[in-house]
Amino acid sequence: MNSTPITIEIPCEDAVHRIIGAMEAAGFRVTRSFDLQSAREALIQPDACACPYHGTAECDCQYVILLVHSAEPQPYSVIVHGHDRFTHVSLVNSKSDPAFGKTQHKIQEMLESLSFELDSSVSHS
């Protein structure tokens, strides 16, 4: 189950770099990863992507999985999916153990805070 996606008006690659920077500044180690099956599913189910050019040469979709490592043995996954200068970010809630809740909550708060900062900087530029 994923968190409610956060949508920000910034190209996906820019969002990925900002998310990685914020997570690393908070002491997390971030690895850029990719899940081929998830990407293939998005292509198989074009309605899952709002890109008006999905599946054509004009498609600028980007799909990135960031693995956020903390002191816990398993990383958290952040899904970053962008198209048409908009990026949708969500945290995969794969940890059912309540002990993981504090770190998961911190990551979610950081993503929400970052989205607010990015939206503010876009509206002032």
PDB file of N, CA and C in Angstrom:
ATOM      1  N   MET A   1       0.840  -1.174   0.000  1.00  0.00           N
ATOM      2  CA  MET A   1       0.000   0.000   0.000  1.00  0.00           C
ATOM      3  C   MET A   1       0.886   1.240   0.000  1.00  0.00           C
ATOM      4  N   ASN A   2       0.560   2.211  -0.806  1.00  0.00           N
ATOM      5  CA  ASN A   2       1.343   3.437  -0.928  1.00  0.00           C
ATOM      6  C   ASN A   2       0.654   4.580  -0.200  1.00  0.00           C
ATOM      7  N   SER A   3       1.447   5.566   0.194  1.00  0.00           N
ATOM      8  CA  SER A   3       0.881   6.774   0.771  1.00  0.00           C
ATOM      9  C   SER A   3       0.141   7.536  -0.318  1.00  0.00           C
ATOM     10  N   THR A   4      -0.655   8.507   0.078  1.00  0.00           N
ATOM     11  CA  THR A   4      -1.335   9.350  -0.891  1.00  0.00           C
ATOM     12  C   THR A   4      -0.278  10.104  -1.677  1.00  0.00           C
ATOM     13  N   PRO A   5      -0.316  10.025  -3.011  1.00  0.00           N
ATOM     14  CA  PRO A   5       0.726  10.699  -3.803  1.00  0.00           C
ATOM     15  C   PRO A   5       0.729  12.212  -3.588  1.00  0.00           C
ATOM     16  N   ILE A   6       1.902  12.758  -3.585  1.00  0.00           N
ATOM     17  CA  ILE A   6       2.104  14.202  -3.499  1.00  0.00           C
ATOM     18  C   ILE A   6       2.434  14.650  -4.914  1.00  0.00           C
ATOM     19  N   THR A   7       1.735  15.655  -5.425  1.00  0.00           N
ATOM     20  CA  THR A   7       1.988  16.143  -6.777  1.00  0.00           C
ATOM     21  C   THR A   7       2.642  17.513  -6.691  1.00  0.00           C
ATOM     22  N   ILE A   8       3.760  17.655  -7.389  1.00  0.00           N
ATOM     23  CA  ILE A   8       4.475  18.924  -7.409  1.00  0.00           C
ATOM     24  C   ILE A   8       4.757  19.319  -8.856  1.00  0.00           C
ATOM     25  N   GLU A   9       4.737  20.618  -9.098  1.00  0.00           N
ATOM     26  CA  GLU A   9       4.955  21.124 -10.454  1.00  0.00           C
ATOM     27  C   GLU A   9       6.442  21.378 -10.665  1.00  0.00           C
ATOM     28  N   ILE A  10       7.142  20.310 -10.962  1.00  0.00           N
ATOM     29  CA  ILE A  10       8.576  20.363 -11.216  1.00  0.00           C
ATOM     30  C   ILE A  10       8.919  19.104 -12.016  1.00  0.00           C
ATOM     31  N   PRO A  11       9.841  19.191 -12.962  1.00  0.00           N
ATOM     32  CA  PRO A  11      10.208  17.995 -13.723  1.00  0.00           C
ATOM     33  C   PRO A  11      10.703  16.877 -12.803  1.00  0.00           C
ATOM     34  N   CYS A  12      10.457  15.664 -13.196  1.00  0.00           N
ATOM     35  CA  CYS A  12      10.761  14.495 -12.379  1.00  0.00           C
ATOM     36  C   CYS A  12      12.229  14.428 -11.967  1.00  0.00           C
ATOM     37  N   GLU A  13      13.152  14.615 -12.896  1.00  0.00           N
ATOM     38  CA  GLU A  13      14.575  14.518 -12.549  1.00  0.00           C
ATOM     39  C   GLU A  13      14.967  15.552 -11.505  1.00  0.00           C
ATOM     40  N   ASP A  14      14.419  16.770 -11.620  1.00  0.00           N
ATOM     41  CA  ASP A  14      14.696  17.797 -10.612  1.00  0.00           C
ATOM     42  C   ASP A  14      14.161  17.360  -9.253  1.00  0.00           C
ATOM     43  N   ALA A  15      12.941  16.810  -9.241  1.00  0.00           N
ATOM     44  CA  ALA A  15      12.342  16.339  -7.988  1.00  0.00           C
ATOM     45  C   ALA A  15      13.175  15.216  -7.376  1.00  0.00           C
ATOM     46  N   VAL A  16      13.632  14.283  -8.201  1.00  0.00           N
ATOM     47  CA  VAL A  16      14.445  13.164  -7.707  1.00  0.00           C
ATOM     48  C   VAL A  16      15.704  13.692  -7.025  1.00  0.00           C
ATOM     49  N   HIS A  17      16.398  14.635  -7.658  1.00  0.00           N
ATOM     50  CA  HIS A  17      17.625  15.184  -7.079  1.00  0.00           C
ATOM     51  C   HIS A  17      17.347  15.919  -5.766  1.00  0.00           C
ATOM     52  N   ARG A  18      16.240  16.652  -5.707  1.00  0.00           N
ATOM     53  CA  ARG A  18      15.884  17.372  -4.473  1.00  0.00           C
ATOM     54  C   ARG A  18      15.514  16.402  -3.357  1.00  0.00           C
ATOM     55  N   ILE A  19      14.765  15.351  -3.688  1.00  0.00           N
ATOM     56  CA  ILE A  19      14.382  14.353  -2.680  1.00  0.00           C
ATOM     57  C   ILE A  19      15.628  13.663  -2.138  1.00  0.00           C
ATOM     58  N   ILE A  20      16.526  13.242  -3.028  1.00  0.00           N
ATOM     59  CA  ILE A  20      17.762  12.584  -2.591  1.00  0.00           C
ATOM     60  C   ILE A  20      18.565  13.515  -1.684  1.00  0.00           C
ATOM     61  N   GLY A  21      18.705  14.762  -2.074  1.00  0.00           N
ATOM     62  CA  GLY A  21      19.459  15.725  -1.262  1.00  0.00           C
ATOM     63  C   GLY A  21      18.855  15.914   0.121  1.00  0.00           C
ATOM     64  N   ALA A  22      17.542  16.042   0.186  1.00  0.00           N
ATOM     65  CA  ALA A  22      16.869  16.238   1.479  1.00  0.00           C
ATOM     66  C   ALA A  22      17.009  15.006   2.363  1.00  0.00           C
ATOM     67  N   MET A  23      16.843  13.831   1.784  1.00  0.00           N
ATOM     68  CA  MET A  23      16.954  12.587   2.561  1.00  0.00           C
ATOM     69  C   MET A  23      18.384  12.404   3.074  1.00  0.00           C
ATOM     70  N   GLU A  24      19.374  12.658   2.237  1.00  0.00           N
ATOM     71  CA  GLU A  24      20.770  12.512   2.656  1.00  0.00           C
ATOM     72  C   GLU A  24      21.131  13.550   3.721  1.00  0.00           C
ATOM     73  N   ALA A  25      20.603  14.759   3.595  1.00  0.00           N
ATOM     74  CA  ALA A  25      20.866  15.789   4.601  1.00  0.00           C
ATOM     75  C   ALA A  25      20.280  15.393   5.956  1.00  0.00           C
ATOM     76  N   ALA A  26      19.229  14.577   5.943  1.00  0.00           N
ATOM     77  CA  ALA A  26      18.604  14.116   7.187  1.00  0.00           C
ATOM     78  C   ALA A  26      19.254  12.841   7.726  1.00  0.00           C
ATOM     79  N   GLY A  27      20.313  12.379   7.057  1.00  0.00           N
ATOM     80  CA  GLY A  27      21.034  11.221   7.557  1.00  0.00           C
ATOM     81  C   GLY A  27      20.663   9.892   6.925  1.00  0.00           C
ATOM     82  N   PHE A  28      19.778   9.903   5.949  1.00  0.00           N
ATOM     83  CA  PHE A  28      19.426   8.668   5.256  1.00  0.00           C
ATOM     84  C   PHE A  28      20.411   8.439   4.112  1.00  0.00           C
ATOM     85  N   ARG A  29      20.568   7.209   3.722  1.00  0.00           N
ATOM     86  CA  ARG A  29      21.338   6.872   2.525  1.00  0.00           C
ATOM     87  C   ARG A  29      20.323   6.496   1.460  1.00  0.00           C
ATOM     88  N   VAL A  30      20.434   7.067   0.288  1.00  0.00           N
ATOM     89  CA  VAL A  30      19.448   6.854  -0.775  1.00  0.00           C
ATOM     90  C   VAL A  30      20.113   6.203  -1.978  1.00  0.00           C
ATOM     91  N   THR A  31      19.476   5.158  -2.479  1.00  0.00           N
ATOM     92  CA  THR A  31      19.949   4.470  -3.675  1.00  0.00           C
ATOM     93  C   THR A  31      18.876   4.608  -4.746  1.00  0.00           C
ATOM     94  N   ARG A  32      19.281   5.037  -5.913  1.00  0.00           N
ATOM     95  CA  ARG A  32      18.343   5.118  -7.029  1.00  0.00           C
ATOM     96  C   ARG A  32      18.184   3.711  -7.604  1.00  0.00           C
ATOM     97  N   SER A  33      16.974   3.253  -7.680  1.00  0.00           N
ATOM     98  CA  SER A  33      16.686   1.895  -8.128  1.00  0.00           C
ATOM     99  C   SER A  33      15.636   1.956  -9.226  1.00  0.00           C
ATOM    100  N   PHE A  34      15.274   0.814  -9.717  1.00  0.00           N
ATOM    101  CA  PHE A  34      14.266   0.744 -10.776  1.00  0.00           C
ATOM    102  C   PHE A  34      13.581  -0.605 -10.692  1.00  0.00           C
ATOM    103  N   ASP A  35      12.275  -0.600 -10.796  1.00  0.00           N
ATOM    104  CA  ASP A  35      11.510  -1.839 -10.743  1.00  0.00           C
ATOM    105  C   ASP A  35      10.884  -2.065 -12.109  1.00  0.00           C
ATOM    106  N   LEU A  36      11.477  -2.939 -12.879  1.00  0.00           N
ATOM    107  CA  LEU A  36      11.032  -3.185 -14.246  1.00  0.00           C
ATOM    108  C   LEU A  36       9.575  -3.626 -14.303  1.00  0.00           C
ATOM    109  N   GLN A  37       9.156  -4.467 -13.378  1.00  0.00           N
ATOM    110  CA  GLN A  37       7.770  -4.960 -13.418  1.00  0.00           C
ATOM    111  C   GLN A  37       6.773  -3.824 -13.197  1.00  0.00           C
ATOM    112  N   SER A  38       7.096  -2.914 -12.283  1.00  0.00           N
ATOM    113  CA  SER A  38       6.199  -1.773 -12.060  1.00  0.00           C
ATOM    114  C   SER A  38       6.133  -0.883 -13.295  1.00  0.00           C
ATOM    115  N   ALA A  39       7.287  -0.666 -13.925  1.00  0.00           N
ATOM    116  CA  ALA A  39       7.312   0.161 -15.131  1.00  0.00           C
ATOM    117  C   ALA A  39       6.525  -0.517 -16.250  1.00  0.00           C
ATOM    118  N   ARG A  40       6.705  -1.819 -16.401  1.00  0.00           N
ATOM    119  CA  ARG A  40       5.964  -2.549 -17.436  1.00  0.00           C
ATOM    120  C   ARG A  40       4.469  -2.490 -17.164  1.00  0.00           C
ATOM    121  N   GLU A  41       4.081  -2.581 -15.896  1.00  0.00           N
ATOM    122  CA  GLU A  41       2.666  -2.519 -15.555  1.00  0.00           C
ATOM    123  C   GLU A  41       2.075  -1.171 -15.972  1.00  0.00           C
ATOM    124  N   ALA A  42       2.845  -0.101 -15.766  1.00  0.00           N
ATOM    125  CA  ALA A  42       2.368   1.224 -16.168  1.00  0.00           C
ATOM    126  C   ALA A  42       2.167   1.291 -17.677  1.00  0.00           C
ATOM    127  N   LEU A  43       3.027   0.615 -18.433  1.00  0.00           N
ATOM    128  CA  LEU A  43       2.889   0.604 -19.887  1.00  0.00           C
ATOM    129  C   LEU A  43       1.724  -0.289 -20.325  1.00  0.00           C
ATOM    130  N   ILE A  44       1.526  -1.391 -19.601  1.00  0.00           N
ATOM    131  CA  ILE A  44       0.426  -2.304 -19.936  1.00  0.00           C
ATOM    132  C   ILE A  44      -0.911  -1.652 -19.614  1.00  0.00           C
ATOM    133  N   GLN A  45      -0.943  -0.842 -18.552  1.00  0.00           N
ATOM    134  CA  GLN A  45      -2.173  -0.173 -18.129  1.00  0.00           C
ATOM    135  C   GLN A  45      -2.012   1.333 -18.356  1.00  0.00           C
ATOM    136  N   PRO A  46      -2.189   1.813 -19.576  1.00  0.00           N
ATOM    137  CA  PRO A  46      -1.939   3.228 -19.850  1.00  0.00           C
ATOM    138  C   PRO A  46      -2.846   4.166 -19.073  1.00  0.00           C
ATOM    139  N   ASP A  47      -4.000   3.689 -18.608  1.00  0.00           N
ATOM    140  CA  ASP A  47      -4.878   4.551 -17.824  1.00  0.00           C
ATOM    141  C   ASP A  47      -4.258   4.898 -16.478  1.00  0.00           C
ATOM    142  N   ALA A  48      -3.246   4.146 -16.041  1.00  0.00           N
ATOM    143  CA  ALA A  48      -2.571   4.419 -14.776  1.00  0.00           C
ATOM    144  C   ALA A  48      -1.656   5.632 -14.890  1.00  0.00           C
ATOM    145  N   CYS A  49      -1.413   6.118 -16.091  1.00  0.00           N
ATOM    146  CA  CYS A  49      -0.554   7.277 -16.319  1.00  0.00           C
ATOM    147  C   CYS A  49      -1.364   8.370 -17.009  1.00  0.00           C
ATOM    148  N   ALA A  50      -1.309   9.575 -16.448  1.00  0.00           N
ATOM    149  CA  ALA A  50      -2.095  10.680 -16.999  1.00  0.00           C
ATOM    150  C   ALA A  50      -1.402  11.412 -18.147  1.00  0.00           C
ATOM    151  N   CYS A  51      -0.225  10.956 -18.537  1.00  0.00           N
ATOM    152  CA  CYS A  51       0.509  11.591 -19.625  1.00  0.00           C
ATOM    153  C   CYS A  51      -0.317  11.508 -20.909  1.00  0.00           C
ATOM    154  N   PRO A  52      -0.610  12.658 -21.542  1.00  0.00           N
ATOM    155  CA  PRO A  52      -1.422  12.623 -22.766  1.00  0.00           C
ATOM    156  C   PRO A  52      -0.697  11.990 -23.952  1.00  0.00           C
ATOM    157  N   TYR A  53       0.623  11.834 -23.848  1.00  0.00           N
ATOM    158  CA  TYR A  53       1.411  11.275 -24.944  1.00  0.00           C
ATOM    159  C   TYR A  53       1.927   9.871 -24.635  1.00  0.00           C
ATOM    160  N   HIS A  54       1.395   9.261 -23.571  1.00  0.00           N
ATOM    161  CA  HIS A  54       1.900   7.974 -23.091  1.00  0.00           C
ATOM    162  C   HIS A  54       1.937   6.944 -24.222  1.00  0.00           C
ATOM    163  N   GLY A  55       3.105   6.333 -24.382  1.00  0.00           N
ATOM    164  CA  GLY A  55       3.263   5.296 -25.395  1.00  0.00           C
ATOM    165  C   GLY A  55       3.655   5.820 -26.762  1.00  0.00           C
ATOM    166  N   THR A  56       3.825   7.142 -26.889  1.00  0.00           N
ATOM    167  CA  THR A  56       4.227   7.718 -28.171  1.00  0.00           C
ATOM    168  C   THR A  56       5.641   8.292 -28.052  1.00  0.00           C
ATOM    169  N   ALA A  57       6.190   8.742 -29.167  1.00  0.00           N
ATOM    170  CA  ALA A  57       7.531   9.328 -29.170  1.00  0.00           C
ATOM    171  C   ALA A  57       7.587  10.624 -28.366  1.00  0.00           C
ATOM    172  N   GLU A  58       6.453  11.293 -28.178  1.00  0.00           N
ATOM    173  CA  GLU A  58       6.408  12.557 -27.435  1.00  0.00           C
ATOM    174  C   GLU A  58       6.319  12.358 -25.925  1.00  0.00           C
ATOM    175  N   CYS A  59       6.178  11.135 -25.484  1.00  0.00           N
ATOM    176  CA  CYS A  59       6.049  10.830 -24.058  1.00  0.00           C
ATOM    177  C   CYS A  59       7.332  11.193 -23.320  1.00  0.00           C
ATOM    178  N   ASP A  60       7.213  11.978 -22.246  1.00  0.00           N
ATOM    179  CA  ASP A  60       8.381  12.336 -21.446  1.00  0.00           C
ATOM    180  C   ASP A  60       8.286  11.740 -20.039  1.00  0.00           C
ATOM    181  N   CYS A  61       7.537  10.668 -19.913  1.00  0.00           N
ATOM    182  CA  CYS A  61       7.366  10.022 -18.607  1.00  0.00           C
ATOM    183  C   CYS A  61       8.696   9.545 -18.039  1.00  0.00           C
ATOM    184  N   GLN A  62       8.806   9.655 -16.743  1.00  0.00           N
ATOM    185  CA  GLN A  62       9.949   9.121 -16.025  1.00  0.00           C
ATOM    186  C   GLN A  62       9.407   8.399 -14.802  1.00  0.00           C
ATOM    187  N   TYR A  63       9.994   7.278 -14.466  1.00  0.00           N
ATOM    188  CA  TYR A  63       9.550   6.458 -13.335  1.00  0.00           C
ATOM    189  C   TYR A  63      10.795   6.018 -12.586  1.00  0.00           C
ATOM    190  N   VAL A  64      10.922   6.471 -11.339  1.00  0.00           N
ATOM    191  CA  VAL A  64      12.116   6.183 -10.557  1.00  0.00           C
ATOM    192  C   VAL A  64      11.703   5.613  -9.205  1.00  0.00           C
ATOM    193  N   ILE A  65      12.439   4.617  -8.749  1.00  0.00           N
ATOM    194  CA  ILE A  65      12.265   4.093  -7.403  1.00  0.00           C
ATOM    195  C   ILE A  65      13.504   4.485  -6.608  1.00  0.00           C
ATOM    196  N   LEU A  66      13.282   5.157  -5.483  1.00  0.00           N
ATOM    197  CA  LEU A  66      14.382   5.503  -4.590  1.00  0.00           C
ATOM    198  C   LEU A  66      14.302   4.606  -3.359  1.00  0.00           C
ATOM    199  N   LEU A  67      15.385   3.955  -3.036  1.00  0.00           N
ATOM    200  CA  LEU A  67      15.460   3.148  -1.823  1.00  0.00           C
ATOM    201  C   LEU A  67      16.092   4.008  -0.740  1.00  0.00           C
ATOM    202  N   VAL A  68      15.328   4.257   0.331  1.00  0.00           N
ATOM    203  CA  VAL A  68      15.781   5.119   1.415  1.00  0.00           C
ATOM    204  C   VAL A  68      16.219   4.220   2.573  1.00  0.00           C
ATOM    205  N   HIS A  69      17.517   4.239   2.857  1.00  0.00           N
ATOM    206  CA  HIS A  69      18.087   3.379   3.886  1.00  0.00           C
ATOM    207  C   HIS A  69      18.226   4.151   5.192  1.00  0.00           C
ATOM    208  N   SER A  70      17.823   3.509   6.273  1.00  0.00           N
ATOM    209  CA  SER A  70      18.008   4.069   7.606  1.00  0.00           C
ATOM    210  C   SER A  70      18.784   3.035   8.418  1.00  0.00           C
ATOM    211  N   ALA A  71      18.717   3.119   9.725  1.00  0.00           N
ATOM    212  CA  ALA A  71      19.383   2.129  10.571  1.00  0.00           C
ATOM    213  C   ALA A  71      18.651   0.790  10.542  1.00  0.00           C
ATOM    214  N   GLU A  72      17.444   0.777   9.998  1.00  0.00           N
ATOM    215  CA  GLU A  72      16.661  -0.454   9.929  1.00  0.00           C
ATOM    216  C   GLU A  72      17.184  -1.349   8.807  1.00  0.00           C
ATOM    217  N   PRO A  73      16.979  -2.658   8.921  1.00  0.00           N
ATOM    218  CA  PRO A  73      17.567  -3.574   7.938  1.00  0.00           C
ATOM    219  C   PRO A  73      17.009  -3.445   6.515  1.00  0.00           C
ATOM    220  N   GLN A  74      15.763  -3.098   6.369  1.00  0.00           N
ATOM    221  CA  GLN A  74      15.160  -2.992   5.039  1.00  0.00           C
ATOM    222  C   GLN A  74      14.935  -1.527   4.670  1.00  0.00           C
ATOM    223  N   PRO A  75      15.216  -1.152   3.420  1.00  0.00           N
ATOM    224  CA  PRO A  75      14.995   0.249   3.009  1.00  0.00           C
ATOM    225  C   PRO A  75      13.511   0.536   2.767  1.00  0.00           C
ATOM    226  N   TYR A  76      13.199   1.797   2.740  1.00  0.00           N
ATOM    227  CA  TYR A  76      11.862   2.268   2.365  1.00  0.00           C
ATOM    228  C   TYR A  76      11.913   2.617   0.883  1.00  0.00           C
ATOM    229  N   SER A  77      10.803   2.443   0.185  1.00  0.00           N
ATOM    230  CA  SER A  77      10.742   2.758  -1.246  1.00  0.00           C
ATOM    231  C   SER A  77       9.918   4.020  -1.465  1.00  0.00           C
ATOM    232  N   VAL A  78      10.490   4.944  -2.228  1.00  0.00           N
ATOM    233  CA  VAL A  78       9.788   6.161  -2.631  1.00  0.00           C
ATOM    234  C   VAL A  78       9.633   6.081  -4.144  1.00  0.00           C
ATOM    235  N   ILE A  79       8.389   6.157  -4.604  1.00  0.00           N
ATOM    236  CA  ILE A  79       8.088   6.103  -6.030  1.00  0.00           C
ATOM    237  C   ILE A  79       7.970   7.532  -6.548  1.00  0.00           C
ATOM    238  N   VAL A  80       8.703   7.826  -7.617  1.00  0.00           N
ATOM    239  CA  VAL A  80       8.678   9.154  -8.236  1.00  0.00           C
ATOM    240  C   VAL A  80       8.301   8.948  -9.699  1.00  0.00           C
ATOM    241  N   HIS A  81       7.123   9.467 -10.096  1.00  0.00           N
ATOM    242  CA  HIS A  81       6.621   9.297 -11.459  1.00  0.00           C
ATOM    243  C   HIS A  81       6.292  10.674 -12.005  1.00  0.00           C
ATOM    244  N   GLY A  82       6.948  11.053 -13.115  1.00  0.00           N
ATOM    245  CA  GLY A  82       6.745  12.385 -13.657  1.00  0.00           C
ATOM    246  C   GLY A  82       6.405  12.393 -15.131  1.00  0.00           C
ATOM    247  N   HIS A  83       5.683  13.431 -15.523  1.00  0.00           N
ATOM    248  CA  HIS A  83       5.360  13.708 -16.926  1.00  0.00           C
ATOM    249  C   HIS A  83       4.849  15.136 -17.037  1.00  0.00           C
ATOM    250  N   ASP A  84       5.077  15.762 -18.168  1.00  0.00           N
ATOM    251  CA  ASP A  84       4.580  17.121 -18.441  1.00  0.00           C
ATOM    252  C   ASP A  84       4.875  18.115 -17.317  1.00  0.00           C
ATOM    253  N   ARG A  85       6.104  18.117 -16.800  1.00  0.00           N
ATOM    254  CA  ARG A  85       6.535  19.036 -15.739  1.00  0.00           C
ATOM    255  C   ARG A  85       5.828  18.829 -14.406  1.00  0.00           C
ATOM    256  N   PHE A  86       5.122  17.737 -14.227  1.00  0.00           N
ATOM    257  CA  PHE A  86       4.513  17.408 -12.944  1.00  0.00           C
ATOM    258  C   PHE A  86       5.106  16.099 -12.452  1.00  0.00           C
ATOM    259  N   THR A  87       5.293  16.011 -11.158  1.00  0.00           N
ATOM    260  CA  THR A  87       5.868  14.814 -10.561  1.00  0.00           C
ATOM    261  C   THR A  87       4.983  14.349  -9.416  1.00  0.00           C
ATOM    262  N   HIS A  88       4.720  13.062  -9.378  1.00  0.00           N
ATOM    263  CA  HIS A  88       3.906  12.444  -8.333  1.00  0.00           C
ATOM    264  C   HIS A  88       4.840  11.591  -7.479  1.00  0.00           C
ATOM    265  N   VAL A  89       4.823  11.825  -6.186  1.00  0.00           N
ATOM    266  CA  VAL A  89       5.744  11.151  -5.266  1.00  0.00           C
ATOM    267  C   VAL A  89       4.929  10.415  -4.212  1.00  0.00           C
ATOM    268  N   SER A  90       5.266   9.154  -3.956  1.00  0.00           N
ATOM    269  CA  SER A  90       4.599   8.431  -2.877  1.00  0.00           C
ATOM    270  C   SER A  90       5.563   7.479  -2.192  1.00  0.00           C
ATOM    271  N   LEU A  91       5.314   7.282  -0.910  1.00  0.00           N
ATOM    272  CA  LEU A  91       6.098   6.378  -0.089  1.00  0.00           C
ATOM    273  C   LEU A  91       5.359   5.051  -0.026  1.00  0.00           C
ATOM    274  N   VAL A  92       6.054   3.974  -0.322  1.00  0.00           N
ATOM    275  CA  VAL A  92       5.442   2.652  -0.252  1.00  0.00           C
ATOM    276  C   VAL A  92       5.418   2.226   1.214  1.00  0.00           C
ATOM    277  N   ASN A  93       4.228   1.963   1.715  1.00  0.00           N
ATOM    278  CA  ASN A  93       4.071   1.549   3.106  1.00  0.00           C
ATOM    279  C   ASN A  93       4.214   0.045   3.211  1.00  0.00           C
ATOM    280  N   SER A  94       5.436  -0.437   3.136  1.00  0.00           N
ATOM    281  CA  SER A  94       5.664  -1.868   3.150  1.00  0.00           C
ATOM    282  C   SER A  94       5.986  -2.400   4.539  1.00  0.00           C
ATOM    283  N   LYS A  95       6.106  -1.529   5.494  1.00  0.00           N
ATOM    284  CA  LYS A  95       6.463  -1.944   6.850  1.00  0.00           C
ATOM    285  C   LYS A  95       5.207  -1.998   7.726  1.00  0.00           C
ATOM    286  N   SER A  96       4.805  -3.182   8.123  1.00  0.00           N
ATOM    287  CA  SER A  96       3.618  -3.311   8.975  1.00  0.00           C
ATOM    288  C   SER A  96       3.992  -3.301  10.455  1.00  0.00           C
ATOM    289  N   ASP A  97       5.264  -3.457  10.784  1.00  0.00           N
ATOM    290  CA  ASP A  97       5.723  -3.456  12.162  1.00  0.00           C
ATOM    291  C   ASP A  97       5.648  -2.024  12.708  1.00  0.00           C
ATOM    292  N   PRO A  98       4.948  -1.820  13.850  1.00  0.00           N
ATOM    293  CA  PRO A  98       4.832  -0.464  14.417  1.00  0.00           C
ATOM    294  C   PRO A  98       6.176   0.178  14.739  1.00  0.00           C
ATOM    295  N   ALA A  99       7.210  -0.629  14.959  1.00  0.00           N
ATOM    296  CA  ALA A  99       8.528  -0.068  15.258  1.00  0.00           C
ATOM    297  C   ALA A  99       9.062   0.763  14.097  1.00  0.00           C
ATOM    298  N   PHE A 100       8.613   0.484  12.884  1.00  0.00           N
ATOM    299  CA  PHE A 100       9.071   1.225  11.721  1.00  0.00           C
ATOM    300  C   PHE A 100       8.300   2.530  11.517  1.00  0.00           C
ATOM    301  N   GLY A 101       7.221   2.705  12.242  1.00  0.00           N
ATOM    302  CA  GLY A 101       6.337   3.852  12.041  1.00  0.00           C
ATOM    303  C   GLY A 101       6.999   5.197  12.177  1.00  0.00           C
ATOM    304  N   LYS A 102       7.924   5.331  13.124  1.00  0.00           N
ATOM    305  CA  LYS A 102       8.565   6.625  13.368  1.00  0.00           C
ATOM    306  C   LYS A 102       9.398   7.064  12.162  1.00  0.00           C
ATOM    307  N   THR A 103      10.203   6.154  11.635  1.00  0.00           N
ATOM    308  CA  THR A 103      11.033   6.481  10.465  1.00  0.00           C
ATOM    309  C   THR A 103      10.158   6.729   9.245  1.00  0.00           C
ATOM    310  N   GLN A 104       9.167   5.891   9.049  1.00  0.00           N
ATOM    311  CA  GLN A 104       8.254   6.043   7.916  1.00  0.00           C
ATOM    312  C   GLN A 104       7.548   7.397   7.981  1.00  0.00           C
ATOM    313  N   HIS A 105       7.101   7.767   9.179  1.00  0.00           N
ATOM    314  CA  HIS A 105       6.427   9.053   9.368  1.00  0.00           C
ATOM    315  C   HIS A 105       7.382  10.211   9.057  1.00  0.00           C
ATOM    316  N   LYS A 106       8.651  10.085   9.491  1.00  0.00           N
ATOM    317  CA  LYS A 106       9.651  11.131   9.217  1.00  0.00           C
ATOM    318  C   LYS A 106       9.866  11.296   7.714  1.00  0.00           C
ATOM    319  N   ILE A 107       9.970  10.189   6.995  1.00  0.00           N
ATOM    320  CA  ILE A 107      10.171  10.255   5.549  1.00  0.00           C
ATOM    321  C   ILE A 107       8.961  10.911   4.885  1.00  0.00           C
ATOM    322  N   GLN A 108       7.750  10.511   5.279  1.00  0.00           N
ATOM    323  CA  GLN A 108       6.534  11.093   4.700  1.00  0.00           C
ATOM    324  C   GLN A 108       6.475  12.593   4.965  1.00  0.00           C
ATOM    325  N   GLU A 109       6.801  13.003   6.185  1.00  0.00           N
ATOM    326  CA  GLU A 109       6.806  14.432   6.506  1.00  0.00           C
ATOM    327  C   GLU A 109       7.824  15.188   5.668  1.00  0.00           C
ATOM    328  N   MET A 110       8.996  14.590   5.459  1.00  0.00           N
ATOM    329  CA  MET A 110      10.020  15.234   4.639  1.00  0.00           C
ATOM    330  C   MET A 110       9.540  15.409   3.204  1.00  0.00           C
ATOM    331  N   LEU A 111       8.884  14.394   2.656  1.00  0.00           N
ATOM    332  CA  LEU A 111       8.368  14.488   1.286  1.00  0.00           C
ATOM    333  C   LEU A 111       7.308  15.576   1.181  1.00  0.00           C
ATOM    334  N   GLU A 112       6.419  15.636   2.164  1.00  0.00           N
ATOM    335  CA  GLU A 112       5.378  16.668   2.152  1.00  0.00           C
ATOM    336  C   GLU A 112       5.979  18.060   2.292  1.00  0.00           C
ATOM    337  N   SER A 113       6.964  18.204   3.173  1.00  0.00           N
ATOM    338  CA  SER A 113       7.627  19.493   3.361  1.00  0.00           C
ATOM    339  C   SER A 113       8.360  19.920   2.087  1.00  0.00           C
ATOM    340  N   LEU A 114       9.051  18.964   1.472  1.00  0.00           N
ATOM    341  CA  LEU A 114       9.772  19.250   0.237  1.00  0.00           C
ATOM    342  C   LEU A 114       8.814  19.659  -0.875  1.00  0.00           C
ATOM    343  N   SER A 115       7.661  18.997  -0.950  1.00  0.00           N
ATOM    344  CA  SER A 115       6.691  19.351  -1.997  1.00  0.00           C
ATOM    345  C   SER A 115       6.179  20.768  -1.788  1.00  0.00           C
ATOM    346  N   PHE A 116       5.971  21.171  -0.531  1.00  0.00           N
ATOM    347  CA  PHE A 116       5.522  22.526  -0.245  1.00  0.00           C
ATOM    348  C   PHE A 116       6.594  23.533  -0.649  1.00  0.00           C
ATOM    349  N   GLU A 117       7.859  23.242  -0.313  1.00  0.00           N
ATOM    350  CA  GLU A 117       8.962  24.139  -0.680  1.00  0.00           C
ATOM    351  C   GLU A 117       9.075  24.269  -2.195  1.00  0.00           C
ATOM    352  N   LEU A 118       8.970  23.143  -2.903  1.00  0.00           N
ATOM    353  CA  LEU A 118       9.113  23.173  -4.360  1.00  0.00           C
ATOM    354  C   LEU A 118       7.952  23.918  -5.000  1.00  0.00           C
ATOM    355  N   ASP A 119       6.717  23.671  -4.528  1.00  0.00           N
ATOM    356  CA  ASP A 119       5.561  24.385  -5.068  1.00  0.00           C
ATOM    357  C   ASP A 119       5.694  25.887  -4.811  1.00  0.00           C
ATOM    358  N   SER A 120       6.190  26.263  -3.635  1.00  0.00           N
ATOM    359  CA  SER A 120       6.372  27.681  -3.316  1.00  0.00           C
ATOM    360  C   SER A 120       7.409  28.316  -4.227  1.00  0.00           C
ATOM    361  N   SER A 121       8.512  27.598  -4.484  1.00  0.00           N
ATOM    362  CA  SER A 121       9.559  28.166  -5.337  1.00  0.00           C
ATOM    363  C   SER A 121       9.093  28.293  -6.772  1.00  0.00           C
ATOM    364  N   VAL A 122       8.249  27.384  -7.248  1.00  0.00           N
ATOM    365  CA  VAL A 122       7.713  27.450  -8.611  1.00  0.00           C
ATOM    366  C   VAL A 122       6.769  28.630  -8.747  1.00  0.00           C
ATOM    367  N   SER A 123       5.909  28.854  -7.745  1.00  0.00           N
ATOM    368  CA  SER A 123       4.936  29.935  -7.846  1.00  0.00           C
ATOM    369  C   SER A 123       5.575  31.313  -7.708  1.00  0.00           C
ATOM    370  N   HIS A 124       6.807  31.373  -7.151  1.00  0.00           N
ATOM    371  CA  HIS A 124       7.494  32.654  -7.009  1.00  0.00           C
ATOM    372  C   HIS A 124       8.506  32.930  -8.106  1.00  0.00           C
ATOM    373  N   SER A 125       8.682  31.968  -9.034  1.00  0.00           N
ATOM    374  CA  SER A 125       9.672  32.194 -10.079  1.00  0.00           C
ATOM    375  C   SER A 125       9.079  32.820 -11.301  1.00  0.00           C
TER     376      SER A 125
END
